[in-house]
Amino acid sequence: MKPKANLIAQKLVNLYRQEHVIVGGWAVLNPIFLDEATDEVLDEMADLPTGKMLVQHIKNLRSGKTPRDSIDRNLMPYGGLMAESGATTPLSDDQWGELSRALDNFSPTQQGLADLQKLNVVKKFGDEWLIGIKTVLSDHPDMLAKWDVVMKTDRAYRLWDMATQIVHQPLTERARAQIQADMPEYETFLPMFNKPGLDLLARLRSFMSDKKHSSTED
């Protein structure tokens, strides 16, 4: 059975929003967009938050206006504002040293994330710290590789929290559809938590297939 167009649309929008934590970035995502975004999917996508931007990006890819490994800056997730804020935020020598030492000692745990966010060099980027620092590190591949670990750790814990909330609440059809759309990310990140993560992933899969967990939408 083919997935419904609305589920594919939601999945693609989720991937679009999370490009910054996907290894390979647009070069990896754009072929997926082209392969899976039928006209029916594009119609569903246009009704989703940020969906219209992704629709235009896919149309640009189809026409050849945008190369397959790129995206028009104006169509970047969040309007490119976070990347721009990072590019215009230079670091002092002391801040470079602080960030370098923190990355060398980073532990991929919740405490590690909390310790990182206490640093002055991180605080200066506010809520956009993940994207802002990634942008600053674009010309420093060694540090950027370490920062990718930070971003994946942050995403993993966010997904853990989301999944934990889902399995402790009555499941609606809307939530079931969201689980299915987000499943690629759950399958990527929850195994990072070893057996507890695999157990949580199994519960999500069970929720998707077991009708007795479902409640009626209001």
C-alpha atoms as a PDB file:
ATOM      1  CA  MET A   1       0.000   0.000   0.000  1.00  0.00           C
ATOM      2  CA  LYS A   2       1.401   3.393  -0.996  1.00  0.00           C
ATOM      3  CA  PRO A   3       1.630   6.057   1.721  1.00  0.00           C
ATOM      4  CA  LYS A   4      -0.993   8.774   1.477  1.00  0.00           C
ATOM      5  CA  ALA A   5       0.054  12.045  -0.130  1.00  0.00           C
ATOM      6  CA  ASN A   6      -0.429  13.978   3.115  1.00  0.00           C
ATOM      7  CA  LEU A   7       1.952  11.649   4.981  1.00  0.00           C
ATOM      8  CA  ILE A   8       4.617  11.973   2.306  1.00  0.00           C
ATOM      9  CA  ALA A   9       4.169  15.747   2.321  1.00  0.00           C
ATOM     10  CA  GLN A  10       4.629  15.912   6.094  1.00  0.00           C
ATOM     11  CA  LYS A  11       7.696  13.679   5.923  1.00  0.00           C
ATOM     12  CA  LEU A  12       9.325  15.847   3.271  1.00  0.00           C
ATOM     13  CA  VAL A  13       8.591  19.044   5.193  1.00  0.00           C
ATOM     14  CA  ASN A  14      10.127  17.488   8.302  1.00  0.00           C
ATOM     15  CA  LEU A  15      13.270  16.588   6.336  1.00  0.00           C
ATOM     16  CA  TYR A  16      13.397  20.103   4.901  1.00  0.00           C
ATOM     17  CA  ARG A  17      13.287  21.657   8.374  1.00  0.00           C
ATOM     18  CA  GLN A  18      15.994  19.314   9.665  1.00  0.00           C
ATOM     19  CA  GLU A  19      18.479  19.719   6.803  1.00  0.00           C
ATOM     20  CA  HIS A  20      21.024  21.117   9.255  1.00  0.00           C
ATOM     21  CA  VAL A  21      21.364  17.752  11.043  1.00  0.00           C
ATOM     22  CA  ILE A  22      21.366  15.545   7.946  1.00  0.00           C
ATOM     23  CA  VAL A  23      24.786  14.472   6.733  1.00  0.00           C
ATOM     24  CA  GLY A  24      25.179  15.598   3.130  1.00  0.00           C
ATOM     25  CA  GLY A  25      22.571  18.347   3.438  1.00  0.00           C
ATOM     26  CA  TRP A  26      20.790  19.450   0.263  1.00  0.00           C
ATOM     27  CA  ALA A  27      22.804  17.095  -1.944  1.00  0.00           C
ATOM     28  CA  VAL A  28      21.161  14.206  -0.081  1.00  0.00           C
ATOM     29  CA  LEU A  29      17.697  15.684   0.381  1.00  0.00           C
ATOM     30  CA  ASN A  30      17.039  17.151  -3.063  1.00  0.00           C
ATOM     31  CA  PRO A  31      16.922  13.783  -4.889  1.00  0.00           C
ATOM     32  CA  ILE A  32      14.417  12.588  -2.252  1.00  0.00           C
ATOM     33  CA  PHE A  33      12.255  15.652  -2.828  1.00  0.00           C
ATOM     34  CA  LEU A  34      12.302  15.087  -6.592  1.00  0.00           C
ATOM     35  CA  ASP A  35      11.558  11.369  -6.326  1.00  0.00           C
ATOM     36  CA  GLU A  36       8.702  11.571  -3.824  1.00  0.00           C
ATOM     37  CA  ALA A  37       7.009  14.942  -4.430  1.00  0.00           C
ATOM     38  CA  THR A  38       4.251  14.174  -6.918  1.00  0.00           C
ATOM     39  CA  ASP A  39       1.823  16.936  -7.866  1.00  0.00           C
ATOM     40  CA  GLU A  40      -0.638  15.494  -5.340  1.00  0.00           C
ATOM     41  CA  VAL A  41       2.021  15.633  -2.630  1.00  0.00           C
ATOM     42  CA  LEU A  42       2.813  19.244  -3.540  1.00  0.00           C
ATOM     43  CA  ASP A  43      -0.864  20.162  -3.146  1.00  0.00           C
ATOM     44  CA  GLU A  44      -0.874  18.685   0.377  1.00  0.00           C
ATOM     45  CA  MET A  45       2.470  20.270   1.197  1.00  0.00           C
ATOM     46  CA  ALA A  46       1.255  23.783   0.388  1.00  0.00           C
ATOM     47  CA  ASP A  47      -1.109  23.629   3.383  1.00  0.00           C
ATOM     48  CA  LEU A  48       1.641  22.777   5.895  1.00  0.00           C
ATOM     49  CA  PRO A  49       3.742  25.289   7.872  1.00  0.00           C
ATOM     50  CA  THR A  50       6.739  26.278   5.686  1.00  0.00           C
ATOM     51  CA  GLY A  51       5.289  23.962   3.040  1.00  0.00           C
ATOM     52  CA  LYS A  52       4.874  26.663   0.408  1.00  0.00           C
ATOM     53  CA  MET A  53       8.611  27.384   0.559  1.00  0.00           C
ATOM     54  CA  LEU A  54       9.436  23.735   0.011  1.00  0.00           C
ATOM     55  CA  VAL A  55       6.950  23.554  -2.871  1.00  0.00           C
ATOM     56  CA  GLN A  56       8.751  26.428  -4.586  1.00  0.00           C
ATOM     57  CA  HIS A  57      12.132  24.828  -3.903  1.00  0.00           C
ATOM     58  CA  ILE A  58      10.997  21.577  -5.513  1.00  0.00           C
ATOM     59  CA  LYS A  59       9.639  23.459  -8.521  1.00  0.00           C
ATOM     60  CA  ASN A  60      13.014  25.202  -8.837  1.00  0.00           C
ATOM     61  CA  LEU A  61      14.737  21.815  -8.753  1.00  0.00           C
ATOM     62  CA  ARG A  62      12.404  20.425 -11.389  1.00  0.00           C
ATOM     63  CA  SER A  63      13.025  23.345 -13.722  1.00  0.00           C
ATOM     64  CA  GLY A  64      16.779  23.297 -13.241  1.00  0.00           C
ATOM     65  CA  LYS A  65      16.783  26.807 -11.776  1.00  0.00           C
ATOM     66  CA  THR A  66      18.340  25.410  -8.592  1.00  0.00           C
ATOM     67  CA  PRO A  67      21.221  22.880  -8.780  1.00  0.00           C
ATOM     68  CA  ARG A  68      20.526  19.491  -7.217  1.00  0.00           C
ATOM     69  CA  ASP A  69      23.032  20.081  -4.416  1.00  0.00           C
ATOM     70  CA  SER A  70      21.772  23.538  -3.458  1.00  0.00           C
ATOM     71  CA  ILE A  71      18.804  25.739  -2.505  1.00  0.00           C
ATOM     72  CA  ASP A  72      17.865  29.342  -3.172  1.00  0.00           C
ATOM     73  CA  ARG A  73      18.917  31.294  -0.072  1.00  0.00           C
ATOM     74  CA  ASN A  74      15.463  32.869   0.167  1.00  0.00           C
ATOM     75  CA  LEU A  75      13.895  29.408   0.415  1.00  0.00           C
ATOM     76  CA  MET A  76      16.089  28.068   3.201  1.00  0.00           C
ATOM     77  CA  PRO A  77      14.185  26.827   6.275  1.00  0.00           C
ATOM     78  CA  TYR A  78      13.241  29.733   8.552  1.00  0.00           C
ATOM     79  CA  GLY A  79      13.954  32.093   5.656  1.00  0.00           C
ATOM     80  CA  GLY A  80      17.696  31.647   6.095  1.00  0.00           C
ATOM     81  CA  LEU A  81      17.607  34.075   9.001  1.00  0.00           C
ATOM     82  CA  MET A  82      19.418  31.761  11.395  1.00  0.00           C
ATOM     83  CA  ALA A  83      22.256  31.046   8.987  1.00  0.00           C
ATOM     84  CA  GLU A  84      22.576  34.754   8.255  1.00  0.00           C
ATOM     85  CA  SER A  85      22.732  35.614  11.955  1.00  0.00           C
ATOM     86  CA  GLY A  86      25.625  33.169  12.341  1.00  0.00           C
ATOM     87  CA  ALA A  87      27.487  34.509   9.336  1.00  0.00           C
ATOM     88  CA  THR A  88      27.393  38.045  10.724  1.00  0.00           C
ATOM     89  CA  THR A  89      28.463  37.076  14.248  1.00  0.00           C
ATOM     90  CA  PRO A  90      32.284  36.930  14.396  1.00  0.00           C
ATOM     91  CA  LEU A  91      34.081  35.264  17.294  1.00  0.00           C
ATOM     92  CA  SER A  92      36.987  36.701  19.232  1.00  0.00           C
ATOM     93  CA  ASP A  93      40.151  34.687  19.833  1.00  0.00           C
ATOM     94  CA  ASP A  94      38.974  33.956  23.382  1.00  0.00           C
ATOM     95  CA  GLN A  95      35.624  32.726  22.099  1.00  0.00           C
ATOM     96  CA  TRP A  96      37.280  30.494  19.525  1.00  0.00           C
ATOM     97  CA  GLY A  97      39.391  29.008  22.314  1.00  0.00           C
ATOM     98  CA  GLU A  98      36.367  28.515  24.571  1.00  0.00           C
ATOM     99  CA  LEU A  99      34.411  26.784  21.802  1.00  0.00           C
ATOM    100  CA  SER A 100      37.338  24.594  20.743  1.00  0.00           C
ATOM    101  CA  ARG A 101      37.941  23.356  24.304  1.00  0.00           C
ATOM    102  CA  ALA A 102      34.233  22.682  24.798  1.00  0.00           C
ATOM    103  CA  LEU A 103      34.015  20.614  21.621  1.00  0.00           C
ATOM    104  CA  ASP A 104      37.098  18.604  22.573  1.00  0.00           C
ATOM    105  CA  ASN A 105      35.473  17.745  25.913  1.00  0.00           C
ATOM    106  CA  PHE A 106      31.842  17.423  24.768  1.00  0.00           C
ATOM    107  CA  SER A 107      29.897  14.461  26.137  1.00  0.00           C
ATOM    108  CA  PRO A 108      26.876  13.442  23.983  1.00  0.00           C
ATOM    109  CA  THR A 109      24.450  13.539  26.908  1.00  0.00           C
ATOM    110  CA  GLN A 110      21.818  15.909  28.243  1.00  0.00           C
ATOM    111  CA  GLN A 111      24.346  17.189  30.757  1.00  0.00           C
ATOM    112  CA  GLY A 112      26.834  17.728  27.967  1.00  0.00           C
ATOM    113  CA  LEU A 113      24.295  19.834  26.073  1.00  0.00           C
ATOM    114  CA  ALA A 114      23.424  21.778  29.224  1.00  0.00           C
ATOM    115  CA  ASP A 115      27.099  22.518  29.942  1.00  0.00           C
ATOM    116  CA  LEU A 116      27.621  23.675  26.363  1.00  0.00           C
ATOM    117  CA  GLN A 117      24.685  26.096  26.513  1.00  0.00           C
ATOM    118  CA  LYS A 118      26.185  27.788  29.577  1.00  0.00           C
ATOM    119  CA  LEU A 119      29.179  29.010  27.582  1.00  0.00           C
ATOM    120  CA  ASN A 120      29.303  32.705  26.730  1.00  0.00           C
ATOM    121  CA  VAL A 121      30.216  31.916  23.132  1.00  0.00           C
ATOM    122  CA  VAL A 122      27.039  29.848  22.815  1.00  0.00           C
ATOM    123  CA  LYS A 123      24.782  32.293  24.655  1.00  0.00           C
ATOM    124  CA  LYS A 124      25.586  35.062  22.177  1.00  0.00           C
ATOM    125  CA  PHE A 125      23.609  33.182  19.503  1.00  0.00           C
ATOM    126  CA  GLY A 126      20.446  32.987  21.624  1.00  0.00           C
ATOM    127  CA  ASP A 127      17.797  30.466  20.571  1.00  0.00           C
ATOM    128  CA  GLU A 128      19.546  29.957  17.226  1.00  0.00           C
ATOM    129  CA  TRP A 129      22.757  28.677  18.789  1.00  0.00           C
ATOM    130  CA  LEU A 130      22.809  25.368  16.922  1.00  0.00           C
ATOM    131  CA  ILE A 131      22.521  26.896  13.453  1.00  0.00           C
ATOM    132  CA  GLY A 132      24.453  30.047  14.311  1.00  0.00           C
ATOM    133  CA  ILE A 133      27.565  28.221  15.442  1.00  0.00           C
ATOM    134  CA  LYS A 134      27.335  25.725  12.584  1.00  0.00           C
ATOM    135  CA  THR A 135      27.468  28.656  10.183  1.00  0.00           C
ATOM    136  CA  VAL A 136      30.453  30.218  11.951  1.00  0.00           C
ATOM    137  CA  LEU A 137      32.286  26.880  11.711  1.00  0.00           C
ATOM    138  CA  SER A 138      31.655  26.443   7.982  1.00  0.00           C
ATOM    139  CA  ASP A 139      35.342  27.104   7.191  1.00  0.00           C
ATOM    140  CA  HIS A 140      36.624  24.904  10.029  1.00  0.00           C
ATOM    141  CA  PRO A 141      35.832  21.299   9.000  1.00  0.00           C
ATOM    142  CA  ASP A 142      37.410  19.644  12.045  1.00  0.00           C
ATOM    143  CA  MET A 143      35.357  21.714  14.477  1.00  0.00           C
ATOM    144  CA  LEU A 144      32.291  21.444  12.237  1.00  0.00           C
ATOM    145  CA  ALA A 145      32.427  17.651  12.413  1.00  0.00           C
ATOM    146  CA  LYS A 146      32.442  17.876  16.214  1.00  0.00           C
ATOM    147  CA  TRP A 147      29.560  20.357  16.111  1.00  0.00           C
ATOM    148  CA  ASP A 148      27.534  17.905  14.017  1.00  0.00           C
ATOM    149  CA  VAL A 149      27.760  15.522  16.979  1.00  0.00           C
ATOM    150  CA  VAL A 150      26.314  18.263  19.187  1.00  0.00           C
ATOM    151  CA  MET A 151      23.442  18.850  16.760  1.00  0.00           C
ATOM    152  CA  LYS A 152      22.641  15.162  16.459  1.00  0.00           C
ATOM    153  CA  THR A 153      22.712  14.794  20.247  1.00  0.00           C
ATOM    154  CA  ASP A 154      20.309  17.707  20.660  1.00  0.00           C
ATOM    155  CA  ARG A 155      17.967  16.268  18.025  1.00  0.00           C
ATOM    156  CA  ALA A 156      18.096  12.822  19.599  1.00  0.00           C
ATOM    157  CA  TYR A 157      16.983  14.100  22.998  1.00  0.00           C
ATOM    158  CA  ARG A 158      14.224  16.209  21.460  1.00  0.00           C
ATOM    159  CA  LEU A 159      12.906  13.150  19.635  1.00  0.00           C
ATOM    160  CA  TRP A 160      13.193  11.074  22.812  1.00  0.00           C
ATOM    161  CA  ASP A 161      11.012  13.606  24.631  1.00  0.00           C
ATOM    162  CA  MET A 162       8.485  13.693  21.787  1.00  0.00           C
ATOM    163  CA  ALA A 163       8.270   9.898  21.597  1.00  0.00           C
ATOM    164  CA  THR A 164       7.921   9.546  25.358  1.00  0.00           C
ATOM    165  CA  GLN A 165       4.993  11.966  25.372  1.00  0.00           C
ATOM    166  CA  ILE A 166       3.319  10.133  22.495  1.00  0.00           C
ATOM    167  CA  VAL A 167       3.383   6.687  24.118  1.00  0.00           C
ATOM    168  CA  HIS A 168       1.921   8.037  27.354  1.00  0.00           C
ATOM    169  CA  GLN A 169      -1.121   9.646  25.728  1.00  0.00           C
ATOM    170  CA  PRO A 170      -4.171   8.308  23.880  1.00  0.00           C
ATOM    171  CA  LEU A 171      -3.270   8.078  20.218  1.00  0.00           C
ATOM    172  CA  THR A 172      -5.371   9.975  17.686  1.00  0.00           C
ATOM    173  CA  GLU A 173      -5.329   9.366  13.961  1.00  0.00           C
ATOM    174  CA  ARG A 174      -3.596  12.704  13.514  1.00  0.00           C
ATOM    175  CA  ALA A 175      -0.858  11.680  15.935  1.00  0.00           C
ATOM    176  CA  ARG A 176      -0.550   8.325  14.170  1.00  0.00           C
ATOM    177  CA  ALA A 177       0.024  10.142  10.873  1.00  0.00           C
ATOM    178  CA  GLN A 178       2.654  12.363  12.509  1.00  0.00           C
ATOM    179  CA  ILE A 179       4.478   9.333  13.911  1.00  0.00           C
ATOM    180  CA  GLN A 180       4.570   7.790  10.449  1.00  0.00           C
ATOM    181  CA  ALA A 181       5.907  11.011   8.937  1.00  0.00           C
ATOM    182  CA  ASP A 182       8.588  11.327  11.625  1.00  0.00           C
ATOM    183  CA  MET A 183       9.505   7.631  11.674  1.00  0.00           C
ATOM    184  CA  PRO A 184      12.691   8.049   9.571  1.00  0.00           C
ATOM    185  CA  GLU A 185      14.087  10.374  12.237  1.00  0.00           C
ATOM    186  CA  TYR A 186      12.973   8.120  15.087  1.00  0.00           C
ATOM    187  CA  GLU A 187      14.675   5.187  13.361  1.00  0.00           C
ATOM    188  CA  THR A 188      17.846   7.243  12.989  1.00  0.00           C
ATOM    189  CA  PHE A 189      18.122   8.774  16.444  1.00  0.00           C
ATOM    190  CA  LEU A 190      16.357   6.558  19.012  1.00  0.00           C
ATOM    191  CA  PRO A 191      18.866   3.683  18.619  1.00  0.00           C
ATOM    192  CA  MET A 192      21.439   6.113  20.049  1.00  0.00           C
ATOM    193  CA  PHE A 193      19.820   5.359  23.441  1.00  0.00           C
ATOM    194  CA  ASN A 194      20.582   1.632  23.081  1.00  0.00           C
ATOM    195  CA  LYS A 195      17.955  -0.767  24.489  1.00  0.00           C
ATOM    196  CA  PRO A 196      15.659   1.927  25.988  1.00  0.00           C
ATOM    197  CA  GLY A 197      15.668   3.705  22.635  1.00  0.00           C
ATOM    198  CA  LEU A 198      14.984   0.506  20.709  1.00  0.00           C
ATOM    199  CA  ASP A 199      12.147  -0.329  23.102  1.00  0.00           C
ATOM    200  CA  LEU A 200      10.641   3.130  22.607  1.00  0.00           C
ATOM    201  CA  LEU A 201      10.967   2.766  18.839  1.00  0.00           C
ATOM    202  CA  ALA A 202       9.159  -0.580  19.009  1.00  0.00           C
ATOM    203  CA  ARG A 203       6.303   1.050  20.941  1.00  0.00           C
ATOM    204  CA  LEU A 204       5.954   3.760  18.316  1.00  0.00           C
ATOM    205  CA  ARG A 205       5.792   1.139  15.575  1.00  0.00           C
ATOM    206  CA  SER A 206       3.179  -0.741  17.574  1.00  0.00           C
ATOM    207  CA  PHE A 207       1.123   2.403  18.006  1.00  0.00           C
ATOM    208  CA  MET A 208       1.111   2.938  14.247  1.00  0.00           C
ATOM    209  CA  SER A 209      -0.239  -0.528  13.528  1.00  0.00           C
ATOM    210  CA  ASP A 210      -2.483  -1.232  16.535  1.00  0.00           C
ATOM    211  CA  LYS A 211      -5.927   0.317  16.121  1.00  0.00           C
ATOM    212  CA  LYS A 212      -6.930  -0.327  19.754  1.00  0.00           C
ATOM    213  CA  HIS A 213      -4.573   2.451  20.876  1.00  0.00           C
ATOM    214  CA  SER A 214      -6.380   5.008  18.734  1.00  0.00           C
ATOM    215  CA  SER A 215      -8.944   7.508  20.011  1.00  0.00           C
ATOM    216  CA  THR A 216     -11.382   9.627  18.030  1.00  0.00           C
ATOM    217  CA  GLU A 217     -10.394  13.111  16.925  1.00  0.00           C
ATOM    218  CA  ASP A 218     -12.384  16.009  18.337  1.00  0.00           C
END
